[in-house]
Amino acid sequence: MAQRVVHQVREVLAPGCIPLCVTDGFKEYMGALLSHFGSWVQPERRRAQGPAPKPRWMPLPELLYAQVIKTTRRRRLVRVSHRVVFGTCEAVQQVLAACGWQINTSCVERLNLTIRQHVAAVGRRVSTLCKGEEGLDQQLALYHGYYNFCLPHGSMRQPLPQPVPTNGTGSATQWRPCTPAMAAGLTDHVWTLREVLLFRVPPWPQPAGL
């Protein structure tokens, strides 16, 4: 699964782009990143005699990879440490400093929690388990449509040119709600769930011979 995740990330990157990767301490990520962002390197000879050293598969010099190691005792978090696997700590900090970030996995953890809160089949300690992969894919597809088209995000709201008065004695509306689809330019309004369910998806390319 780690290989599949890294492969999907590699497929959507621009040519020559090697992003900074930060994960938890799951050891399979290191092998997946090394297999996708590595190359054969011929080590230098250390002795004049004897066989030449064999080529080694090494990470690309541009690859930066850090881990967040969490130590728990009796189901309680007691320590969080950082470890740089590929690259240097200075290079990692330089990339993160441009955005004001630190080595952490808060972005993906926030995304995982949001999915668990909206998709019951992937929640923890719940009785609403999904019995098949197809059903889980359908639930996730519906959630993706709702998340991107129906759910406004506070960080994406846009200021209105003029405040709009509200009914009653409340303060005027100063912000326009915005969804990820609106921020990406895919739509100009917040969709309702009815619009998502009734939207007619264009036919995808069919395999030849059908």
N, C-alpha and C. Protein backbone atom coordinates (compact mmCIF):
# COMPACT_ATOMS: atom_id res chain seq x y z
N MET A 1 0.83 -1.21 0.00
CA MET A 1 0.00 0.00 0.00
C MET A 1 0.87 1.27 0.00
N ALA A 2 1.99 1.22 0.73
CA ALA A 2 2.89 2.37 0.72
C ALA A 2 3.44 2.62 -0.68
N GLN A 3 3.77 1.54 -1.40
CA GLN A 3 4.24 1.68 -2.77
C GLN A 3 3.18 2.32 -3.66
N ARG A 4 1.93 1.94 -3.48
CA ARG A 4 0.84 2.48 -4.29
C ARG A 4 0.62 3.96 -4.00
N VAL A 5 0.71 4.35 -2.72
CA VAL A 5 0.52 5.75 -2.36
C VAL A 5 1.61 6.62 -2.97
N VAL A 6 2.86 6.21 -2.82
CA VAL A 6 3.97 7.00 -3.37
C VAL A 6 3.90 7.02 -4.90
N HIS A 7 3.49 5.91 -5.51
CA HIS A 7 3.38 5.88 -6.97
C HIS A 7 2.32 6.86 -7.47
N GLN A 8 1.19 6.95 -6.77
CA GLN A 8 0.15 7.90 -7.17
C GLN A 8 0.62 9.33 -7.01
N VAL A 9 1.40 9.60 -5.97
CA VAL A 9 1.96 10.95 -5.79
C VAL A 9 2.93 11.26 -6.92
N ARG A 10 3.75 10.30 -7.29
CA ARG A 10 4.73 10.51 -8.36
C ARG A 10 4.05 10.78 -9.69
N GLU A 11 2.89 10.18 -9.93
CA GLU A 11 2.20 10.34 -11.20
C GLU A 11 1.69 11.76 -11.42
N VAL A 12 1.38 12.49 -10.35
CA VAL A 12 0.80 13.83 -10.50
C VAL A 12 1.83 14.94 -10.32
N LEU A 13 3.09 14.59 -10.11
CA LEU A 13 4.13 15.60 -9.96
C LEU A 13 4.60 16.11 -11.31
N ALA A 14 5.07 17.34 -11.33
CA ALA A 14 5.65 17.90 -12.54
C ALA A 14 6.97 17.20 -12.84
N PRO A 15 7.39 17.16 -14.09
CA PRO A 15 8.66 16.50 -14.42
C PRO A 15 9.82 17.11 -13.65
N GLY A 16 10.60 16.26 -13.02
CA GLY A 16 11.75 16.72 -12.26
C GLY A 16 11.45 17.22 -10.87
N CYS A 17 10.19 17.21 -10.46
CA CYS A 17 9.81 17.71 -9.14
C CYS A 17 9.98 16.61 -8.10
N ILE A 18 10.70 16.90 -7.04
CA ILE A 18 10.89 15.97 -5.92
C ILE A 18 10.48 16.71 -4.66
N PRO A 19 9.29 16.46 -4.12
CA PRO A 19 8.82 17.24 -2.98
C PRO A 19 9.45 16.77 -1.67
N LEU A 20 9.36 17.62 -0.67
CA LEU A 20 9.73 17.23 0.69
C LEU A 20 8.65 16.31 1.24
N CYS A 21 9.05 15.17 1.76
CA CYS A 21 8.11 14.17 2.28
C CYS A 21 8.27 14.06 3.79
N VAL A 22 7.15 14.11 4.49
CA VAL A 22 7.13 13.95 5.94
C VAL A 22 6.06 12.93 6.28
N THR A 23 6.44 11.86 7.00
CA THR A 23 5.51 10.81 7.38
C THR A 23 5.74 10.45 8.84
N ASP A 24 4.95 9.50 9.31
CA ASP A 24 5.18 8.95 10.64
C ASP A 24 6.30 7.92 10.56
N GLY A 25 6.47 7.14 11.59
CA GLY A 25 7.59 6.20 11.65
C GLY A 25 7.36 4.89 10.93
N PHE A 26 6.31 4.77 10.12
CA PHE A 26 6.06 3.53 9.39
C PHE A 26 7.21 3.25 8.43
N LYS A 27 7.93 2.15 8.64
CA LYS A 27 9.18 1.91 7.93
C LYS A 27 8.99 1.64 6.44
N GLU A 28 7.80 1.21 6.01
CA GLU A 28 7.61 0.90 4.59
C GLU A 28 7.66 2.13 3.70
N TYR A 29 7.43 3.32 4.25
CA TYR A 29 7.48 4.53 3.44
C TYR A 29 8.90 4.79 2.92
N MET A 30 9.90 4.46 3.72
CA MET A 30 11.28 4.71 3.29
C MET A 30 11.61 3.88 2.05
N GLY A 31 11.22 2.60 2.02
CA GLY A 31 11.47 1.79 0.84
C GLY A 31 10.69 2.25 -0.36
N ALA A 32 9.45 2.70 -0.15
CA ALA A 32 8.65 3.19 -1.27
C ALA A 32 9.23 4.46 -1.86
N LEU A 33 9.66 5.39 -1.01
CA LEU A 33 10.26 6.63 -1.51
C LEU A 33 11.59 6.36 -2.20
N LEU A 34 12.37 5.43 -1.65
CA LEU A 34 13.66 5.12 -2.24
C LEU A 34 13.51 4.48 -3.61
N SER A 35 12.49 3.63 -3.78
CA SER A 35 12.30 2.98 -5.07
C SER A 35 11.80 3.93 -6.15
N HIS A 36 11.09 4.98 -5.76
CA HIS A 36 10.55 5.93 -6.74
C HIS A 36 11.44 7.15 -6.96
N PHE A 37 12.25 7.49 -5.98
CA PHE A 37 13.12 8.67 -6.10
C PHE A 37 14.57 8.27 -5.83
N GLY A 38 15.03 7.26 -6.55
CA GLY A 38 16.40 6.81 -6.42
C GLY A 38 17.04 6.55 -7.77
N SER A 39 18.32 6.27 -7.75
CA SER A 39 19.05 5.98 -8.99
C SER A 39 20.27 5.12 -8.63
N TRP A 40 20.82 4.48 -9.66
CA TRP A 40 22.02 3.66 -9.46
C TRP A 40 23.24 4.56 -9.35
N VAL A 41 24.08 4.28 -8.36
CA VAL A 41 25.30 5.05 -8.12
C VAL A 41 26.46 4.08 -8.06
N GLN A 42 27.53 4.42 -8.78
CA GLN A 42 28.73 3.59 -8.77
C GLN A 42 29.68 4.10 -7.69
N PRO A 43 29.89 3.35 -6.59
CA PRO A 43 30.81 3.82 -5.54
C PRO A 43 32.25 3.87 -6.05
N GLU A 44 33.02 4.76 -5.46
CA GLU A 44 34.43 4.89 -5.83
C GLU A 44 35.24 3.73 -5.24
N ARG A 45 36.29 3.39 -5.95
CA ARG A 45 37.19 2.34 -5.47
C ARG A 45 38.01 2.87 -4.31
N ARG A 46 38.07 2.08 -3.24
CA ARG A 46 38.87 2.45 -2.08
C ARG A 46 40.25 1.79 -2.09
N ARG A 47 40.35 0.70 -2.86
CA ARG A 47 41.62 0.00 -2.96
C ARG A 47 41.95 -0.24 -4.42
N ALA A 48 43.23 -0.20 -4.73
CA ALA A 48 43.65 -0.40 -6.13
C ALA A 48 43.47 -1.84 -6.57
N GLN A 49 43.55 -2.76 -5.64
CA GLN A 49 43.41 -4.17 -5.97
C GLN A 49 42.04 -4.68 -5.53
N GLY A 50 41.66 -5.82 -6.10
CA GLY A 50 40.40 -6.43 -5.74
C GLY A 50 39.29 -6.04 -6.70
N PRO A 51 38.15 -6.67 -6.57
CA PRO A 51 37.05 -6.39 -7.48
C PRO A 51 36.49 -4.99 -7.25
N ALA A 52 35.95 -4.44 -8.31
CA ALA A 52 35.33 -3.11 -8.22
C ALA A 52 34.02 -3.21 -7.44
N PRO A 53 33.67 -2.20 -6.66
CA PRO A 53 32.42 -2.24 -5.90
C PRO A 53 31.20 -2.25 -6.85
N LYS A 54 30.18 -2.94 -6.44
CA LYS A 54 28.97 -3.04 -7.26
C LYS A 54 28.15 -1.76 -7.15
N PRO A 55 27.42 -1.42 -8.21
CA PRO A 55 26.54 -0.24 -8.14
C PRO A 55 25.49 -0.40 -7.04
N ARG A 56 25.13 0.71 -6.44
CA ARG A 56 24.14 0.72 -5.36
C ARG A 56 22.98 1.64 -5.73
N TRP A 57 21.78 1.24 -5.32
CA TRP A 57 20.59 2.08 -5.53
C TRP A 57 20.52 3.07 -4.37
N MET A 58 20.70 4.35 -4.67
CA MET A 58 20.78 5.38 -3.66
C MET A 58 19.71 6.45 -3.91
N PRO A 59 19.27 7.16 -2.86
CA PRO A 59 18.29 8.24 -3.06
C PRO A 59 18.88 9.39 -3.85
N LEU A 60 18.05 10.06 -4.63
CA LEU A 60 18.51 11.23 -5.38
C LEU A 60 18.96 12.32 -4.41
N PRO A 61 19.94 13.11 -4.80
CA PRO A 61 20.42 14.17 -3.88
C PRO A 61 19.32 15.16 -3.51
N GLU A 62 18.33 15.36 -4.38
CA GLU A 62 17.27 16.34 -4.10
C GLU A 62 16.20 15.80 -3.15
N LEU A 63 16.21 14.50 -2.87
CA LEU A 63 15.16 13.91 -2.03
C LEU A 63 15.35 14.29 -0.57
N LEU A 64 14.32 14.87 0.02
CA LEU A 64 14.30 15.23 1.44
C LEU A 64 13.15 14.47 2.11
N TYR A 65 13.48 13.74 3.14
CA TYR A 65 12.47 12.90 3.81
C TYR A 65 12.71 12.94 5.31
N ALA A 66 11.67 13.31 6.05
CA ALA A 66 11.73 13.37 7.51
C ALA A 66 10.58 12.58 8.10
N GLN A 67 10.77 12.11 9.32
CA GLN A 67 9.77 11.33 10.01
C GLN A 67 9.43 11.96 11.35
N VAL A 68 8.18 11.76 11.76
CA VAL A 68 7.71 12.17 13.09
C VAL A 68 7.50 10.88 13.89
N ILE A 69 8.32 10.67 14.89
CA ILE A 69 8.28 9.45 15.69
C ILE A 69 7.53 9.74 16.98
N LYS A 70 6.43 9.02 17.19
CA LYS A 70 5.62 9.19 18.40
C LYS A 70 5.78 7.97 19.30
N THR A 71 6.09 8.23 20.55
CA THR A 71 6.26 7.16 21.53
C THR A 71 5.08 7.18 22.50
N THR A 72 4.42 6.04 22.63
CA THR A 72 3.27 5.94 23.51
C THR A 72 3.53 4.90 24.60
N ARG A 73 2.94 5.14 25.75
CA ARG A 73 2.98 4.21 26.86
C ARG A 73 1.59 4.13 27.48
N ARG A 74 1.08 2.92 27.54
CA ARG A 74 -0.26 2.70 28.06
C ARG A 74 -1.28 3.56 27.33
N ARG A 75 -1.15 3.58 26.01
CA ARG A 75 -2.07 4.31 25.13
C ARG A 75 -2.03 5.82 25.33
N ARG A 76 -0.95 6.33 25.88
CA ARG A 76 -0.79 7.77 26.04
C ARG A 76 0.49 8.22 25.36
N LEU A 77 0.41 9.36 24.70
CA LEU A 77 1.57 9.91 24.00
C LEU A 77 2.52 10.54 25.03
N VAL A 78 3.75 10.06 25.05
CA VAL A 78 4.72 10.57 26.02
C VAL A 78 5.85 11.34 25.38
N ARG A 79 6.13 11.12 24.10
CA ARG A 79 7.25 11.82 23.47
C ARG A 79 7.06 11.86 21.96
N VAL A 80 7.45 12.98 21.35
CA VAL A 80 7.44 13.16 19.91
C VAL A 80 8.83 13.62 19.49
N SER A 81 9.45 12.87 18.61
CA SER A 81 10.79 13.21 18.12
C SER A 81 10.79 13.26 16.61
N HIS A 82 11.76 13.98 16.05
CA HIS A 82 11.88 14.15 14.61
C HIS A 82 13.17 13.49 14.13
N ARG A 83 13.10 12.90 12.95
CA ARG A 83 14.27 12.23 12.39
C ARG A 83 14.34 12.51 10.90
N VAL A 84 15.48 12.96 10.43
CA VAL A 84 15.70 13.21 9.01
C VAL A 84 16.34 11.95 8.42
N VAL A 85 15.66 11.32 7.47
CA VAL A 85 16.14 10.07 6.87
C VAL A 85 16.98 10.35 5.64
N PHE A 86 16.47 11.15 4.71
CA PHE A 86 17.19 11.51 3.49
C PHE A 86 17.38 13.01 3.47
N GLY A 87 18.59 13.45 3.15
CA GLY A 87 18.90 14.87 3.15
C GLY A 87 19.48 15.30 4.49
N THR A 88 19.51 16.59 4.70
CA THR A 88 20.05 17.16 5.93
C THR A 88 18.95 17.91 6.67
N CYS A 89 19.14 18.06 7.97
CA CYS A 89 18.16 18.80 8.77
C CYS A 89 18.08 20.26 8.33
N GLU A 90 19.21 20.84 7.95
CA GLU A 90 19.22 22.24 7.50
C GLU A 90 18.41 22.41 6.22
N ALA A 91 18.55 21.46 5.28
CA ALA A 91 17.80 21.56 4.03
C ALA A 91 16.30 21.41 4.26
N VAL A 92 15.93 20.51 5.15
CA VAL A 92 14.51 20.33 5.46
C VAL A 92 13.94 21.58 6.12
N GLN A 93 14.65 22.14 7.08
CA GLN A 93 14.17 23.34 7.76
C GLN A 93 14.08 24.52 6.82
N GLN A 94 14.98 24.60 5.85
CA GLN A 94 14.95 25.70 4.89
C GLN A 94 13.69 25.64 4.02
N VAL A 95 13.30 24.45 3.61
CA VAL A 95 12.08 24.31 2.80
C VAL A 95 10.85 24.64 3.63
N LEU A 96 10.80 24.17 4.87
CA LEU A 96 9.64 24.41 5.71
C LEU A 96 9.55 25.86 6.16
N ALA A 97 10.69 26.52 6.33
CA ALA A 97 10.68 27.90 6.81
C ALA A 97 10.02 28.84 5.82
N ALA A 98 10.05 28.51 4.53
CA ALA A 98 9.42 29.37 3.52
C ALA A 98 7.91 29.48 3.74
N CYS A 99 7.30 28.46 4.34
CA CYS A 99 5.86 28.47 4.62
C CYS A 99 5.55 28.67 6.10
N GLY A 100 6.58 28.82 6.92
CA GLY A 100 6.36 28.96 8.34
C GLY A 100 5.96 27.67 9.03
N TRP A 101 6.35 26.53 8.48
CA TRP A 101 5.96 25.23 9.02
C TRP A 101 7.11 24.59 9.78
N GLN A 102 6.80 23.49 10.46
CA GLN A 102 7.78 22.67 11.13
C GLN A 102 7.57 21.21 10.71
N ILE A 103 8.47 20.35 11.11
CA ILE A 103 8.34 18.94 10.76
C ILE A 103 7.18 18.34 11.54
N ASN A 104 6.09 18.05 10.86
CA ASN A 104 4.93 17.43 11.49
C ASN A 104 4.06 16.81 10.41
N THR A 105 3.08 16.05 10.85
CA THR A 105 2.14 15.39 9.93
C THR A 105 0.72 15.89 10.18
N SER A 106 0.58 17.15 10.61
CA SER A 106 -0.73 17.66 11.00
C SER A 106 -1.69 17.74 9.82
N CYS A 107 -1.17 18.05 8.61
CA CYS A 107 -2.06 18.20 7.45
C CYS A 107 -2.76 16.89 7.11
N VAL A 108 -1.99 15.82 6.98
CA VAL A 108 -2.60 14.54 6.63
C VAL A 108 -3.41 13.98 7.79
N GLU A 109 -2.99 14.25 9.04
CA GLU A 109 -3.78 13.79 10.18
C GLU A 109 -5.12 14.51 10.24
N ARG A 110 -5.14 15.79 9.91
CA ARG A 110 -6.39 16.53 9.87
C ARG A 110 -7.30 15.98 8.77
N LEU A 111 -6.73 15.65 7.63
CA LEU A 111 -7.51 15.08 6.54
C LEU A 111 -8.08 13.72 6.92
N ASN A 112 -7.25 12.88 7.57
CA ASN A 112 -7.74 11.57 7.99
C ASN A 112 -8.89 11.70 8.99
N LEU A 113 -8.78 12.63 9.94
CA LEU A 113 -9.84 12.82 10.92
C LEU A 113 -11.11 13.33 10.25
N THR A 114 -10.98 14.24 9.28
CA THR A 114 -12.15 14.75 8.58
C THR A 114 -12.87 13.63 7.83
N ILE A 115 -12.11 12.75 7.19
CA ILE A 115 -12.73 11.63 6.48
C ILE A 115 -13.44 10.70 7.47
N ARG A 116 -12.81 10.41 8.60
CA ARG A 116 -13.43 9.53 9.59
C ARG A 116 -14.72 10.13 10.16
N GLN A 117 -14.76 11.45 10.28
CA GLN A 117 -15.94 12.10 10.83
C GLN A 117 -17.12 12.11 9.86
N HIS A 118 -16.85 12.01 8.55
CA HIS A 118 -17.91 12.08 7.56
C HIS A 118 -18.24 10.74 6.92
N VAL A 119 -17.30 9.81 6.92
CA VAL A 119 -17.53 8.49 6.33
C VAL A 119 -17.53 7.48 7.47
N ALA A 120 -18.70 6.96 7.77
CA ALA A 120 -18.84 6.09 8.94
C ALA A 120 -18.07 4.79 8.78
N ALA A 121 -17.90 4.32 7.56
CA ALA A 121 -17.27 3.01 7.35
C ALA A 121 -15.81 2.98 7.74
N VAL A 122 -15.14 4.13 7.78
CA VAL A 122 -13.71 4.17 8.12
C VAL A 122 -13.47 4.77 9.49
N GLY A 123 -14.53 4.95 10.28
CA GLY A 123 -14.36 5.45 11.63
C GLY A 123 -13.74 4.40 12.54
N ARG A 124 -13.24 4.84 13.65
CA ARG A 124 -12.62 3.94 14.62
C ARG A 124 -13.63 3.56 15.69
N ARG A 125 -13.66 2.28 16.04
CA ARG A 125 -14.53 1.75 17.09
C ARG A 125 -15.99 2.05 16.79
N VAL A 126 -16.40 1.74 15.58
CA VAL A 126 -17.79 1.94 15.17
C VAL A 126 -18.36 0.60 14.72
N SER A 127 -19.67 0.52 14.69
CA SER A 127 -20.36 -0.69 14.24
C SER A 127 -20.82 -0.60 12.80
N THR A 128 -20.57 0.53 12.13
CA THR A 128 -21.01 0.73 10.75
C THR A 128 -19.90 0.35 9.79
N LEU A 129 -19.50 -0.89 9.79
CA LEU A 129 -18.43 -1.34 8.92
C LEU A 129 -18.95 -1.57 7.51
N CYS A 130 -18.07 -1.42 6.56
CA CYS A 130 -18.41 -1.66 5.16
C CYS A 130 -18.04 -3.10 4.81
N LYS A 131 -18.94 -3.79 4.13
CA LYS A 131 -18.74 -5.21 3.86
C LYS A 131 -17.96 -5.47 2.57
N GLY A 132 -17.74 -4.47 1.77
CA GLY A 132 -17.02 -4.69 0.52
C GLY A 132 -16.26 -3.46 0.08
N GLU A 133 -15.24 -3.68 -0.76
CA GLU A 133 -14.43 -2.56 -1.25
C GLU A 133 -15.24 -1.64 -2.15
N GLU A 134 -16.15 -2.21 -2.93
CA GLU A 134 -16.96 -1.38 -3.84
C GLU A 134 -17.84 -0.41 -3.06
N GLY A 135 -18.44 -0.88 -1.98
CA GLY A 135 -19.26 0.02 -1.18
C GLY A 135 -18.46 1.13 -0.54
N LEU A 136 -17.25 0.80 -0.08
CA LEU A 136 -16.39 1.82 0.50
C LEU A 136 -15.98 2.86 -0.53
N ASP A 137 -15.68 2.41 -1.74
CA ASP A 137 -15.32 3.36 -2.81
C ASP A 137 -16.48 4.30 -3.11
N GLN A 138 -17.70 3.79 -3.09
CA GLN A 138 -18.86 4.63 -3.36
C GLN A 138 -19.07 5.67 -2.25
N GLN A 139 -18.88 5.26 -1.00
CA GLN A 139 -19.02 6.21 0.10
C GLN A 139 -17.95 7.30 0.02
N LEU A 140 -16.72 6.93 -0.29
CA LEU A 140 -15.65 7.92 -0.40
C LEU A 140 -15.87 8.85 -1.58
N ALA A 141 -16.38 8.33 -2.69
CA ALA A 141 -16.66 9.18 -3.86
C ALA A 141 -17.73 10.21 -3.53
N LEU A 142 -18.78 9.79 -2.82
CA LEU A 142 -19.83 10.74 -2.43
C LEU A 142 -19.28 11.79 -1.47
N TYR A 143 -18.43 11.35 -0.55
CA TYR A 143 -17.86 12.31 0.39
C TYR A 143 -16.95 13.31 -0.32
N HIS A 144 -16.16 12.86 -1.28
CA HIS A 144 -15.28 13.77 -2.02
C HIS A 144 -16.10 14.85 -2.74
N GLY A 145 -17.22 14.46 -3.34
CA GLY A 145 -18.08 15.45 -3.98
C GLY A 145 -18.66 16.44 -2.99
N TYR A 146 -19.09 15.94 -1.84
CA TYR A 146 -19.64 16.83 -0.81
C TYR A 146 -18.56 17.76 -0.26
N TYR A 147 -17.37 17.22 0.02
CA TYR A 147 -16.29 18.00 0.63
C TYR A 147 -15.84 19.12 -0.30
N ASN A 148 -15.74 18.86 -1.59
CA ASN A 148 -15.18 19.84 -2.52
C ASN A 148 -16.21 20.82 -3.08
N PHE A 149 -17.48 20.42 -3.13
CA PHE A 149 -18.49 21.27 -3.76
C PHE A 149 -19.53 21.83 -2.79
N CYS A 150 -19.78 21.15 -1.67
CA CYS A 150 -20.87 21.56 -0.77
C CYS A 150 -20.40 22.16 0.54
N LEU A 151 -19.20 21.85 0.96
CA LEU A 151 -18.74 22.25 2.29
C LEU A 151 -17.83 23.47 2.21
N PRO A 152 -18.31 24.66 2.64
CA PRO A 152 -17.44 25.84 2.64
C PRO A 152 -16.33 25.71 3.67
N HIS A 153 -15.17 26.24 3.34
CA HIS A 153 -14.02 26.22 4.23
C HIS A 153 -13.74 27.63 4.72
N GLY A 154 -13.58 27.76 6.03
CA GLY A 154 -13.37 29.08 6.60
C GLY A 154 -12.10 29.75 6.10
N SER A 155 -11.06 28.97 5.82
CA SER A 155 -9.80 29.55 5.37
C SER A 155 -9.87 30.05 3.92
N MET A 156 -10.93 29.68 3.19
CA MET A 156 -11.06 30.07 1.79
C MET A 156 -12.11 31.16 1.57
N ARG A 157 -12.72 31.64 2.64
CA ARG A 157 -13.77 32.64 2.47
C ARG A 157 -13.22 33.90 1.82
N GLN A 158 -14.07 34.61 1.11
CA GLN A 158 -13.65 35.78 0.34
C GLN A 158 -14.39 37.02 0.84
N PRO A 159 -13.71 38.16 1.02
CA PRO A 159 -14.40 39.37 1.49
C PRO A 159 -15.32 39.93 0.42
N LEU A 160 -16.48 40.38 0.84
CA LEU A 160 -17.44 40.98 -0.09
C LEU A 160 -17.08 42.44 -0.34
N PRO A 161 -17.31 42.96 -1.57
CA PRO A 161 -17.03 44.39 -1.83
C PRO A 161 -17.80 45.31 -0.90
N GLN A 162 -19.07 44.95 -0.65
CA GLN A 162 -19.92 45.72 0.25
C GLN A 162 -20.62 44.77 1.20
N PRO A 163 -20.66 45.07 2.50
CA PRO A 163 -21.38 44.19 3.43
C PRO A 163 -22.85 44.07 3.05
N VAL A 164 -23.38 42.88 3.17
CA VAL A 164 -24.77 42.61 2.83
C VAL A 164 -25.58 42.55 4.12
N PRO A 165 -26.60 43.43 4.26
CA PRO A 165 -27.40 43.39 5.50
C PRO A 165 -28.19 42.09 5.61
N THR A 166 -28.36 41.64 6.83
CA THR A 166 -29.11 40.42 7.10
C THR A 166 -30.50 40.76 7.61
N ASN A 167 -31.38 39.79 7.57
CA ASN A 167 -32.73 39.98 8.10
C ASN A 167 -32.68 40.04 9.62
N GLY A 168 -33.29 41.05 10.20
CA GLY A 168 -33.29 41.18 11.64
C GLY A 168 -32.26 42.19 12.10
N THR A 169 -31.78 41.98 13.32
CA THR A 169 -30.86 42.93 13.94
C THR A 169 -29.41 42.44 13.91
N GLY A 170 -29.14 41.36 13.20
CA GLY A 170 -27.79 40.83 13.14
C GLY A 170 -26.86 41.72 12.34
N SER A 171 -25.56 41.51 12.51
CA SER A 171 -24.57 42.29 11.78
C SER A 171 -24.57 41.89 10.30
N ALA A 172 -24.10 42.80 9.48
CA ALA A 172 -24.07 42.56 8.03
C ALA A 172 -23.06 41.48 7.68
N THR A 173 -23.37 40.74 6.61
CA THR A 173 -22.48 39.70 6.14
C THR A 173 -21.30 40.33 5.39
N GLN A 174 -20.09 40.00 5.82
CA GLN A 174 -18.90 40.59 5.22
C GLN A 174 -18.07 39.59 4.43
N TRP A 175 -18.44 38.31 4.47
CA TRP A 175 -17.65 37.28 3.81
C TRP A 175 -18.54 36.44 2.90
N ARG A 176 -17.94 36.00 1.82
CA ARG A 176 -18.62 35.09 0.89
C ARG A 176 -18.08 33.68 1.11
N PRO A 177 -18.95 32.70 1.41
CA PRO A 177 -18.44 31.34 1.61
C PRO A 177 -17.82 30.79 0.34
N CYS A 178 -16.80 29.97 0.52
CA CYS A 178 -16.07 29.43 -0.63
C CYS A 178 -15.72 27.98 -0.36
N THR A 179 -15.89 27.14 -1.36
CA THR A 179 -15.54 25.73 -1.28
C THR A 179 -14.26 25.47 -2.07
N PRO A 180 -13.61 24.32 -1.89
CA PRO A 180 -12.42 24.01 -2.68
C PRO A 180 -12.68 24.05 -4.18
N ALA A 181 -13.85 23.62 -4.63
CA ALA A 181 -14.16 23.66 -6.06
C ALA A 181 -14.25 25.10 -6.55
N MET A 182 -14.79 26.00 -5.73
CA MET A 182 -14.84 27.41 -6.12
C MET A 182 -13.44 28.01 -6.16
N ALA A 183 -12.60 27.66 -5.19
CA ALA A 183 -11.22 28.17 -5.18
C ALA A 183 -10.44 27.67 -6.38
N ALA A 184 -10.76 26.47 -6.87
CA ALA A 184 -10.07 25.91 -8.04
C ALA A 184 -10.67 26.40 -9.35
N GLY A 185 -11.75 27.18 -9.30
CA GLY A 185 -12.37 27.70 -10.51
C GLY A 185 -13.28 26.72 -11.22
N LEU A 186 -13.72 25.65 -10.54
CA LEU A 186 -14.60 24.66 -11.17
C LEU A 186 -16.06 25.05 -11.11
N THR A 187 -16.44 25.93 -10.21
CA THR A 187 -17.81 26.38 -10.08
C THR A 187 -17.82 27.77 -9.48
N ASP A 188 -18.99 28.41 -9.49
CA ASP A 188 -19.09 29.78 -8.98
C ASP A 188 -20.03 29.90 -7.79
N HIS A 189 -20.49 28.79 -7.23
CA HIS A 189 -21.40 28.85 -6.09
C HIS A 189 -21.24 27.58 -5.25
N VAL A 190 -21.79 27.66 -4.05
CA VAL A 190 -21.79 26.50 -3.15
C VAL A 190 -22.93 25.57 -3.56
N TRP A 191 -22.59 24.33 -3.86
CA TRP A 191 -23.59 23.36 -4.30
C TRP A 191 -24.36 22.82 -3.10
N THR A 192 -25.57 22.38 -3.38
CA THR A 192 -26.33 21.60 -2.41
C THR A 192 -26.08 20.12 -2.68
N LEU A 193 -26.37 19.29 -1.69
CA LEU A 193 -26.20 17.85 -1.88
C LEU A 193 -27.12 17.33 -2.98
N ARG A 194 -28.26 17.97 -3.16
CA ARG A 194 -29.18 17.58 -4.24
C ARG A 194 -28.54 17.80 -5.60
N GLU A 195 -27.82 18.93 -5.75
CA GLU A 195 -27.13 19.18 -7.02
C GLU A 195 -26.06 18.13 -7.30
N VAL A 196 -25.36 17.71 -6.26
CA VAL A 196 -24.32 16.69 -6.45
C VAL A 196 -24.93 15.37 -6.88
N LEU A 197 -26.02 14.98 -6.24
CA LEU A 197 -26.64 13.68 -6.54
C LEU A 197 -27.31 13.68 -7.91
N LEU A 198 -27.82 14.82 -8.36
CA LEU A 198 -28.51 14.89 -9.65
C LEU A 198 -27.60 15.32 -10.80
N PHE A 199 -26.32 15.58 -10.52
CA PHE A 199 -25.41 16.02 -11.58
C PHE A 199 -25.16 14.86 -12.55
N ARG A 200 -25.29 15.13 -13.81
CA ARG A 200 -25.09 14.11 -14.84
C ARG A 200 -23.62 14.11 -15.25
N VAL A 201 -22.94 13.07 -14.89
CA VAL A 201 -21.51 12.95 -15.20
C VAL A 201 -21.34 12.66 -16.67
N PRO A 202 -20.47 13.38 -17.38
CA PRO A 202 -20.23 13.08 -18.80
C PRO A 202 -19.70 11.66 -18.97
N PRO A 203 -20.04 11.00 -20.06
CA PRO A 203 -19.55 9.63 -20.27
C PRO A 203 -18.04 9.60 -20.43
N TRP A 204 -17.42 8.65 -19.74
CA TRP A 204 -15.97 8.49 -19.82
C TRP A 204 -15.60 7.72 -21.08
N PRO A 205 -14.36 7.80 -21.55
CA PRO A 205 -13.96 7.03 -22.75
C PRO A 205 -14.15 5.54 -22.52
N GLN A 206 -14.88 4.90 -23.42
CA GLN A 206 -15.13 3.48 -23.33
C GLN A 206 -13.99 2.68 -23.99
N PRO A 207 -13.70 1.48 -23.47
CA PRO A 207 -12.67 0.66 -24.11
C PRO A 207 -13.04 0.32 -25.55
N ALA A 208 -12.04 0.17 -26.38
CA ALA A 208 -12.27 -0.15 -27.79
C ALA A 208 -12.93 -1.53 -27.91
N GLY A 209 -13.86 -1.64 -28.83
CA GLY A 209 -14.52 -2.91 -29.07
C GLY A 209 -15.85 -3.09 -28.37
N LEU A 210 -16.27 -2.07 -27.52
CA LEU A 210 -17.55 -2.19 -26.84
C LEU A 210 -18.61 -1.38 -27.57
